[in-house]
């Protein structure tokens, strides 16, 4: 499901809403209750949920890059301390 960004033309309130592609756009502003809410054109935003192919499939051995995996986190390639 995409995340849509909205802005109220009356009060300037901005919000993001997770909606289905088939869902009707929001029109009523939750801040001022005016029917002036418009969808903004912005970069596509979406949420990946679960352990899908992008994290677990097509990687071999210990090369999986799973969330919460501390292996390799915070290390630098030169082995030195930050200046």
PDB file of N, CA and C in Angstrom:
ATOM      1  N   UNK A   1       0.842  -1.183   0.000  1.00  0.00           N
ATOM      2  CA  UNK A   1       0.000   0.000   0.000  1.00  0.00           C
ATOM      3  C   UNK A   1       0.886   1.244   0.000  1.00  0.00           C
ATOM      4  N   UNK A   2       0.545   2.207  -0.818  1.00  0.00           N
ATOM      5  CA  UNK A   2       1.337   3.442  -0.849  1.00  0.00           C
ATOM      6  C   UNK A   2       0.990   4.377   0.301  1.00  0.00           C
ATOM      7  N   UNK A   3       1.931   5.241   0.614  1.00  0.00           N
ATOM      8  CA  UNK A   3       1.737   6.278   1.618  1.00  0.00           C
ATOM      9  C   UNK A   3       1.552   7.586   0.863  1.00  0.00           C
ATOM     10  N   UNK A   4       0.390   8.208   1.011  1.00  0.00           N
ATOM     11  CA  UNK A   4       0.084   9.461   0.326  1.00  0.00           C
ATOM     12  C   UNK A   4       0.312  10.638   1.263  1.00  0.00           C
ATOM     13  N   UNK A   5       0.735  11.750   0.686  1.00  0.00           N
ATOM     14  CA  UNK A   5       0.985  12.967   1.438  1.00  0.00           C
ATOM     15  C   UNK A   5      -0.094  13.985   1.065  1.00  0.00           C
ATOM     16  N   UNK A   6      -0.681  14.634   2.062  1.00  0.00           N
ATOM     17  CA  UNK A   6      -1.756  15.600   1.865  1.00  0.00           C
ATOM     18  C   UNK A   6      -1.387  16.931   2.512  1.00  0.00           C
ATOM     19  N   UNK A   7      -1.969  18.023   1.971  1.00  0.00           N
ATOM     20  CA  UNK A   7      -1.815  19.352   2.570  1.00  0.00           C
ATOM     21  C   UNK A   7      -3.143  20.086   2.461  1.00  0.00           C
ATOM     22  N   UNK A   8      -3.512  20.764   3.540  1.00  0.00           N
ATOM     23  CA  UNK A   8      -4.745  21.539   3.567  1.00  0.00           C
ATOM     24  C   UNK A   8      -4.473  22.914   2.956  1.00  0.00           C
ATOM     25  N   UNK A   9      -5.305  23.305   1.995  1.00  0.00           N
ATOM     26  CA  UNK A   9      -5.158  24.614   1.350  1.00  0.00           C
ATOM     27  C   UNK A   9      -5.655  25.740   2.246  1.00  0.00           C
ATOM     28  N   UNK A  10      -6.474  25.425   3.238  1.00  0.00           N
ATOM     29  CA  UNK A  10      -7.026  26.433   4.138  1.00  0.00           C
ATOM     30  C   UNK A  10      -6.065  26.784   5.275  1.00  0.00           C
ATOM     31  N   UNK A  11      -5.513  25.752   5.945  1.00  0.00           N
ATOM     32  CA  UNK A  11      -4.684  26.022   7.130  1.00  0.00           C
ATOM     33  C   UNK A  11      -3.221  25.604   6.976  1.00  0.00           C
ATOM     34  N   UNK A  12      -2.885  24.868   5.910  1.00  0.00           N
ATOM     35  CA  UNK A  12      -1.500  24.450   5.687  1.00  0.00           C
ATOM     36  C   UNK A  12      -1.090  23.178   6.411  1.00  0.00           C
ATOM     37  N   UNK A  13      -2.018  22.547   7.105  1.00  0.00           N
ATOM     38  CA  UNK A  13      -1.716  21.299   7.830  1.00  0.00           C
ATOM     39  C   UNK A  13      -1.304  20.218   6.833  1.00  0.00           C
ATOM     40  N   UNK A  14      -0.230  19.472   7.164  1.00  0.00           N
ATOM     41  CA  UNK A  14       0.246  18.383   6.305  1.00  0.00           C
ATOM     42  C   UNK A  14       0.154  17.067   7.054  1.00  0.00           C
ATOM     43  N   UNK A  15      -0.156  15.984   6.309  1.00  0.00           N
ATOM     44  CA  UNK A  15      -0.232  14.663   6.914  1.00  0.00           C
ATOM     45  C   UNK A  15       0.091  13.609   5.870  1.00  0.00           C
ATOM     46  N   UNK A  16       0.424  12.426   6.357  1.00  0.00           N
ATOM     47  CA  UNK A  16       0.656  11.263   5.519  1.00  0.00           C
ATOM     48  C   UNK A  16      -0.379  10.212   5.878  1.00  0.00           C
ATOM     49  N   UNK A  17      -0.851   9.477   4.861  1.00  0.00           N
ATOM     50  CA  UNK A  17      -1.883   8.476   5.097  1.00  0.00           C
ATOM     51  C   UNK A  17      -1.572   7.229   4.283  1.00  0.00           C
ATOM     52  N   UNK A  18      -1.561   6.085   4.932  1.00  0.00           N
ATOM     53  CA  UNK A  18      -1.379   4.796   4.281  1.00  0.00           C
ATOM     54  C   UNK A  18      -2.739   4.379   3.724  1.00  0.00           C
ATOM     55  N   UNK A  19      -2.848   4.306   2.365  1.00  0.00           N
ATOM     56  CA  UNK A  19      -4.124   4.000   1.736  1.00  0.00           C
ATOM     57  C   UNK A  19      -3.952   3.001   0.611  1.00  0.00           C
ATOM     58  N   UNK A  20      -5.010   2.292   0.298  1.00  0.00           N
ATOM     59  CA  UNK A  20      -5.027   1.408  -0.860  1.00  0.00           C
ATOM     60  C   UNK A  20      -5.040   2.263  -2.127  1.00  0.00           C
ATOM     61  N   UNK A  21      -4.561   1.687  -3.222  1.00  0.00           N
ATOM     62  CA  UNK A  21      -4.594   2.385  -4.501  1.00  0.00           C
ATOM     63  C   UNK A  21      -6.024   2.715  -4.915  1.00  0.00           C
ATOM     64  N   UNK A  22      -6.967   1.863  -4.577  1.00  0.00           N
ATOM     65  CA  UNK A  22      -8.360   2.047  -4.964  1.00  0.00           C
ATOM     66  C   UNK A  22      -9.125   2.993  -4.041  1.00  0.00           C
ATOM     67  N   UNK A  23      -8.527   3.422  -2.937  1.00  0.00           N
ATOM     68  CA  UNK A  23      -9.214   4.289  -1.973  1.00  0.00           C
ATOM     69  C   UNK A  23      -9.368   5.701  -2.538  1.00  0.00           C
ATOM     70  N   UNK A  24     -10.487   6.323  -2.213  1.00  0.00           N
ATOM     71  CA  UNK A  24     -10.739   7.700  -2.635  1.00  0.00           C
ATOM     72  C   UNK A  24      -9.813   8.647  -1.862  1.00  0.00           C
ATOM     73  N   UNK A  25      -9.344   9.715  -2.507  1.00  0.00           N
ATOM     74  CA  UNK A  25      -8.483  10.677  -1.808  1.00  0.00           C
ATOM     75  C   UNK A  25      -9.222  11.339  -0.644  1.00  0.00           C
ATOM     76  N   UNK A  26      -8.476  11.682   0.410  1.00  0.00           N
ATOM     77  CA  UNK A  26      -9.067  12.385   1.545  1.00  0.00           C
ATOM     78  C   UNK A  26      -9.409  13.810   1.124  1.00  0.00           C
ATOM     79  N   UNK A  27     -10.458  14.376   1.705  1.00  0.00           N
ATOM     80  CA  UNK A  27     -10.852  15.747   1.371  1.00  0.00           C
ATOM     81  C   UNK A  27     -10.976  16.634   2.603  1.00  0.00           C
ATOM     82  N   UNK A  28     -11.338  16.073   3.759  1.00  0.00           N
ATOM     83  CA  UNK A  28     -11.559  16.866   4.969  1.00  0.00           C
ATOM     84  C   UNK A  28     -10.303  16.926   5.829  1.00  0.00           C
ATOM     85  N   UNK A  29      -9.886  18.137   6.165  1.00  0.00           N
ATOM     86  CA  UNK A  29      -8.693  18.353   6.991  1.00  0.00           C
ATOM     87  C   UNK A  29      -9.004  17.996   8.444  1.00  0.00           C
ATOM     88  N   UNK A  30      -8.166  17.165   9.091  1.00  0.00           N
ATOM     89  CA  UNK A  30      -8.413  16.817  10.496  1.00  0.00           C
ATOM     90  C   UNK A  30      -8.101  17.971  11.449  1.00  0.00           C
ATOM     91  N   UNK A  31      -7.338  18.972  11.011  1.00  0.00           N
ATOM     92  CA  UNK A  31      -6.968  20.091  11.876  1.00  0.00           C
ATOM     93  C   UNK A  31      -8.034  21.183  11.908  1.00  0.00           C
ATOM     94  N   UNK A  32      -8.580  21.553  10.727  1.00  0.00           N
ATOM     95  CA  UNK A  32      -9.527  22.671  10.679  1.00  0.00           C
ATOM     96  C   UNK A  32     -10.921  22.276  10.186  1.00  0.00           C
ATOM     97  N   UNK A  33     -11.133  21.008   9.849  1.00  0.00           N
ATOM     98  CA  UNK A  33     -12.420  20.471   9.393  1.00  0.00           C
ATOM     99  C   UNK A  33     -12.937  21.106   8.095  1.00  0.00           C
ATOM    100  N   UNK A  34     -12.068  21.737   7.327  1.00  0.00           N
ATOM    101  CA  UNK A  34     -12.451  22.274   6.024  1.00  0.00           C
ATOM    102  C   UNK A  34     -12.262  21.189   4.968  1.00  0.00           C
ATOM    103  N   UNK A  35     -13.026  21.276   3.892  1.00  0.00           N
ATOM    104  CA  UNK A  35     -12.903  20.315   2.789  1.00  0.00           C
ATOM    105  C   UNK A  35     -11.893  20.834   1.773  1.00  0.00           C
ATOM    106  N   UNK A  36     -10.688  21.157   2.249  1.00  0.00           N
ATOM    107  CA  UNK A  36      -9.648  21.761   1.416  1.00  0.00           C
ATOM    108  C   UNK A  36      -8.381  20.905   1.346  1.00  0.00           C
ATOM    109  N   UNK A  37      -8.490  19.646   1.695  1.00  0.00           N
ATOM    110  CA  UNK A  37      -7.324  18.766   1.703  1.00  0.00           C
ATOM    111  C   UNK A  37      -7.027  18.299   0.282  1.00  0.00           C
ATOM    112  N   UNK A  38      -5.769  18.438  -0.129  1.00  0.00           N
ATOM    113  CA  UNK A  38      -5.367  18.012  -1.464  1.00  0.00           C
ATOM    114  C   UNK A  38      -4.159  17.100  -1.397  1.00  0.00           C
ATOM    115  N   UNK A  39      -4.113  16.135  -2.299  1.00  0.00           N
ATOM    116  CA  UNK A  39      -2.996  15.196  -2.352  1.00  0.00           C
ATOM    117  C   UNK A  39      -1.804  15.875  -3.018  1.00  0.00           C
ATOM    118  N   UNK A  40      -0.637  15.727  -2.423  1.00  0.00           N
ATOM    119  CA  UNK A  40       0.587  16.317  -2.964  1.00  0.00           C
ATOM    120  C   UNK A  40       1.281  15.351  -3.912  1.00  0.00           C
ATOM    121  N   UNK A  41       1.996  15.896  -4.863  1.00  0.00           N
ATOM    122  CA  UNK A  41       2.825  15.084  -5.744  1.00  0.00           C
ATOM    123  C   UNK A  41       4.186  14.992  -5.070  1.00  0.00           C
ATOM    124  N   UNK A  42       4.582  13.796  -4.714  1.00  0.00           N
ATOM    125  CA  UNK A  42       5.851  13.602  -4.013  1.00  0.00           C
ATOM    126  C   UNK A  42       6.445  12.272  -4.433  1.00  0.00           C
ATOM    127  N   UNK A  43       7.625  11.996  -3.924  1.00  0.00           N
ATOM    128  CA  UNK A  43       8.275  10.719  -4.211  1.00  0.00           C
ATOM    129  C   UNK A  43       7.408   9.579  -3.691  1.00  0.00           C
ATOM    130  N   UNK A  44       7.424   8.507  -4.410  1.00  0.00           N
ATOM    131  CA  UNK A  44       6.620   7.353  -4.009  1.00  0.00           C
ATOM    132  C   UNK A  44       7.078   6.840  -2.659  1.00  0.00           C
ATOM    133  N   UNK A  45       6.151   6.600  -1.791  1.00  0.00           N
ATOM    134  CA  UNK A  45       6.452   6.027  -0.484  1.00  0.00           C
ATOM    135  C   UNK A  45       5.630   4.772  -0.295  1.00  0.00           C
ATOM    136  N   UNK A  46       6.264   3.732   0.209  1.00  0.00           N
ATOM    137  CA  UNK A  46       5.549   2.501   0.476  1.00  0.00           C
ATOM    138  C   UNK A  46       6.226   1.775   1.615  1.00  0.00           C
ATOM    139  N   UNK A  47       5.507   0.842   2.188  1.00  0.00           N
ATOM    140  CA  UNK A  47       6.019   0.109   3.348  1.00  0.00           C
ATOM    141  C   UNK A  47       6.167  -1.355   2.976  1.00  0.00           C
ATOM    142  N   UNK A  48       7.341  -1.901   3.222  1.00  0.00           N
ATOM    143  CA  UNK A  48       7.574  -3.326   3.030  1.00  0.00           C
ATOM    144  C   UNK A  48       7.419  -4.004   4.386  1.00  0.00           C
ATOM    145  N   UNK A  49       6.523  -4.956   4.469  1.00  0.00           N
ATOM    146  CA  UNK A  49       6.260  -5.618   5.733  1.00  0.00           C
ATOM    147  C   UNK A  49       6.610  -7.095   5.628  1.00  0.00           C
ATOM    148  N   UNK A  50       7.107  -7.641   6.702  1.00  0.00           N
ATOM    149  CA  UNK A  50       7.416  -9.063   6.742  1.00  0.00           C
ATOM    150  C   UNK A  50       8.805  -9.382   6.235  1.00  0.00           C
ATOM    151  N   UNK A  51       9.138 -10.634   6.231  1.00  0.00           N
ATOM    152  CA  UNK A  51      10.446 -11.091   5.778  1.00  0.00           C
ATOM    153  C   UNK A  51      10.369 -11.538   4.331  1.00  0.00           C
ATOM    154  N   UNK A  52      10.325 -10.603   3.418  1.00  0.00           N
ATOM    155  CA  UNK A  52      10.154 -10.925   2.010  1.00  0.00           C
ATOM    156  C   UNK A  52      11.456 -11.214   1.300  1.00  0.00           C
ATOM    157  N   UNK A  53      11.380 -11.409   0.002  1.00  0.00           N
ATOM    158  CA  UNK A  53      12.530 -11.778  -0.823  1.00  0.00           C
ATOM    159  C   UNK A  53      13.659 -10.762  -0.755  1.00  0.00           C
ATOM    160  N   UNK A  54      13.328  -9.512  -0.558  1.00  0.00           N
ATOM    161  CA  UNK A  54      14.334  -8.461  -0.549  1.00  0.00           C
ATOM    162  C   UNK A  54      15.329  -8.609   0.598  1.00  0.00           C
ATOM    163  N   UNK A  55      14.990  -9.322   1.649  1.00  0.00           N
ATOM    164  CA  UNK A  55      15.897  -9.515   2.777  1.00  0.00           C
ATOM    165  C   UNK A  55      16.397 -10.946   2.910  1.00  0.00           C
ATOM    166  N   UNK A  56      15.565 -11.909   2.605  1.00  0.00           N
ATOM    167  CA  UNK A  56      15.925 -13.273   2.960  1.00  0.00           C
ATOM    168  C   UNK A  56      16.230 -14.180   1.781  1.00  0.00           C
ATOM    169  N   UNK A  57      15.641 -13.936   0.644  1.00  0.00           N
ATOM    170  CA  UNK A  57      15.856 -14.807  -0.505  1.00  0.00           C
ATOM    171  C   UNK A  57      17.029 -14.322  -1.347  1.00  0.00           C
ATOM    172  N   UNK A  58      17.569 -15.185  -2.134  1.00  0.00           N
ATOM    173  CA  UNK A  58      18.648 -14.885  -3.079  1.00  0.00           C
ATOM    174  C   UNK A  58      19.948 -14.444  -2.423  1.00  0.00           C
ATOM    175  N   UNK A  59      20.099 -14.646  -1.139  1.00  0.00           N
ATOM    176  CA  UNK A  59      21.361 -14.381  -0.446  1.00  0.00           C
ATOM    177  C   UNK A  59      21.822 -15.697   0.146  1.00  0.00           C
ATOM    178  N   UNK A  60      23.108 -15.938   0.091  1.00  0.00           N
ATOM    179  CA  UNK A  60      23.613 -17.221   0.552  1.00  0.00           C
ATOM    180  C   UNK A  60      24.355 -17.088   1.871  1.00  0.00           C
ATOM    181  N   UNK A  61      24.384 -18.174   2.612  1.00  0.00           N
ATOM    182  CA  UNK A  61      25.167 -18.250   3.842  1.00  0.00           C
ATOM    183  C   UNK A  61      24.818 -17.164   4.841  1.00  0.00           C
ATOM    184  N   UNK A  62      25.850 -16.527   5.394  1.00  0.00           N
ATOM    185  CA  UNK A  62      25.672 -15.496   6.411  1.00  0.00           C
ATOM    186  C   UNK A  62      25.578 -14.105   5.838  1.00  0.00           C
ATOM    187  N   UNK A  63      25.263 -13.963   4.568  1.00  0.00           N
ATOM    188  CA  UNK A  63      25.224 -12.653   3.935  1.00  0.00           C
ATOM    189  C   UNK A  63      23.853 -11.995   4.006  1.00  0.00           C
ATOM    190  N   UNK A  64      22.960 -12.503   4.819  1.00  0.00           N
ATOM    191  CA  UNK A  64      21.636 -11.911   4.939  1.00  0.00           C
ATOM    192  C   UNK A  64      21.723 -10.615   5.726  1.00  0.00           C
ATOM    193  N   UNK A  65      21.035  -9.602   5.280  1.00  0.00           N
ATOM    194  CA  UNK A  65      21.078  -8.277   5.883  1.00  0.00           C
ATOM    195  C   UNK A  65      19.778  -8.032   6.631  1.00  0.00           C
ATOM    196  N   UNK A  66      19.563  -8.764   7.709  1.00  0.00           N
ATOM    197  CA  UNK A  66      18.313  -8.688   8.439  1.00  0.00           C
ATOM    198  C   UNK A  66      18.335  -7.570   9.468  1.00  0.00           C
ATOM    199  N   UNK A  67      17.180  -6.978   9.717  1.00  0.00           N
ATOM    200  CA  UNK A  67      17.053  -5.933  10.721  1.00  0.00           C
ATOM    201  C   UNK A  67      17.408  -6.504  12.087  1.00  0.00           C
ATOM    202  N   UNK A  68      18.119  -5.730  12.876  1.00  0.00           N
ATOM    203  CA  UNK A  68      18.507  -6.173  14.200  1.00  0.00           C
ATOM    204  C   UNK A  68      19.768  -7.009  14.222  1.00  0.00           C
ATOM    205  N   UNK A  69      20.338  -7.279  13.047  1.00  0.00           N
ATOM    206  CA  UNK A  69      21.575  -8.043  12.952  1.00  0.00           C
ATOM    207  C   UNK A  69      22.736  -7.111  13.243  1.00  0.00           C
ATOM    208  N   UNK A  70      23.464  -7.347  14.310  1.00  0.00           N
ATOM    209  CA  UNK A  70      24.555  -6.458  14.691  1.00  0.00           C
ATOM    210  C   UNK A  70      25.869  -6.817  14.018  1.00  0.00           C
ATOM    211  N   UNK A  71      25.888  -7.890  13.267  1.00  0.00           N
ATOM    212  CA  UNK A  71      27.110  -8.311  12.598  1.00  0.00           C
ATOM    213  C   UNK A  71      27.484  -7.296  11.526  1.00  0.00           C
ATOM    214  N   UNK A  72      28.639  -6.667  11.664  1.00  0.00           N
ATOM    215  CA  UNK A  72      29.120  -5.704  10.692  1.00  0.00           C
ATOM    216  C   UNK A  72      28.587  -4.306  10.919  1.00  0.00           C
ATOM    217  N   UNK A  73      27.702  -4.113  11.873  1.00  0.00           N
ATOM    218  CA  UNK A  73      27.151  -2.785  12.125  1.00  0.00           C
ATOM    219  C   UNK A  73      28.160  -1.919  12.855  1.00  0.00           C
ATOM    220  N   UNK A  74      28.331  -0.698  12.375  1.00  0.00           N
ATOM    221  CA  UNK A  74      29.188   0.259  13.048  1.00  0.00           C
ATOM    222  C   UNK A  74      30.662   0.057  12.813  1.00  0.00           C
ATOM    223  N   UNK A  75      31.057  -0.757  11.878  1.00  0.00           N
ATOM    224  CA  UNK A  75      32.475  -0.943  11.591  1.00  0.00           C
ATOM    225  C   UNK A  75      32.835  -0.175  10.348  1.00  0.00           C
ATOM    226  N   UNK A  76      34.062   0.292  10.310  1.00  0.00           N
ATOM    227  CA  UNK A  76      34.512   1.012   9.127  1.00  0.00           C
ATOM    228  C   UNK A  76      35.424   0.121   8.316  1.00  0.00           C
ATOM    229  N   UNK A  77      35.551   0.438   7.031  1.00  0.00           N
ATOM    230  CA  UNK A  77      36.329  -0.418   6.157  1.00  0.00           C
ATOM    231  C   UNK A  77      37.836  -0.248   6.359  1.00  0.00           C
ATOM    232  N   UNK A  78      38.251   0.902   6.928  1.00  0.00           N
ATOM    233  CA  UNK A  78      39.696   1.109   7.109  1.00  0.00           C
ATOM    234  C   UNK A  78      40.190   0.604   8.464  1.00  0.00           C
ATOM    235  N   UNK A  79      39.271   0.237   9.352  1.00  0.00           N
ATOM    236  CA  UNK A  79      39.650  -0.321  10.649  1.00  0.00           C
ATOM    237  C   UNK A  79      40.115   0.708  11.641  1.00  0.00           C
ATOM    238  N   UNK A  80      40.153   1.976  11.265  1.00  0.00           N
ATOM    239  CA  UNK A  80      40.634   3.013  12.161  1.00  0.00           C
ATOM    240  C   UNK A  80      39.502   3.689  12.905  1.00  0.00           C
ATOM    241  N   UNK A  81      39.869   4.500  13.871  1.00  0.00           N
ATOM    242  CA  UNK A  81      38.877   5.234  14.645  1.00  0.00           C
ATOM    243  C   UNK A  81      38.488   6.487  13.890  1.00  0.00           C
ATOM    244  N   UNK A  82      37.291   6.969  14.177  1.00  0.00           N
ATOM    245  CA  UNK A  82      36.821   8.201  13.530  1.00  0.00           C
ATOM    246  C   UNK A  82      37.581   9.388  14.093  1.00  0.00           C
ATOM    247  N   UNK A  83      37.886  10.342  13.221  1.00  0.00           N
ATOM    248  CA  UNK A  83      38.642  11.527  13.649  1.00  0.00           C
ATOM    249  C   UNK A  83      37.743  12.597  14.162  1.00  0.00           C
TER     250      UNK A  83
END
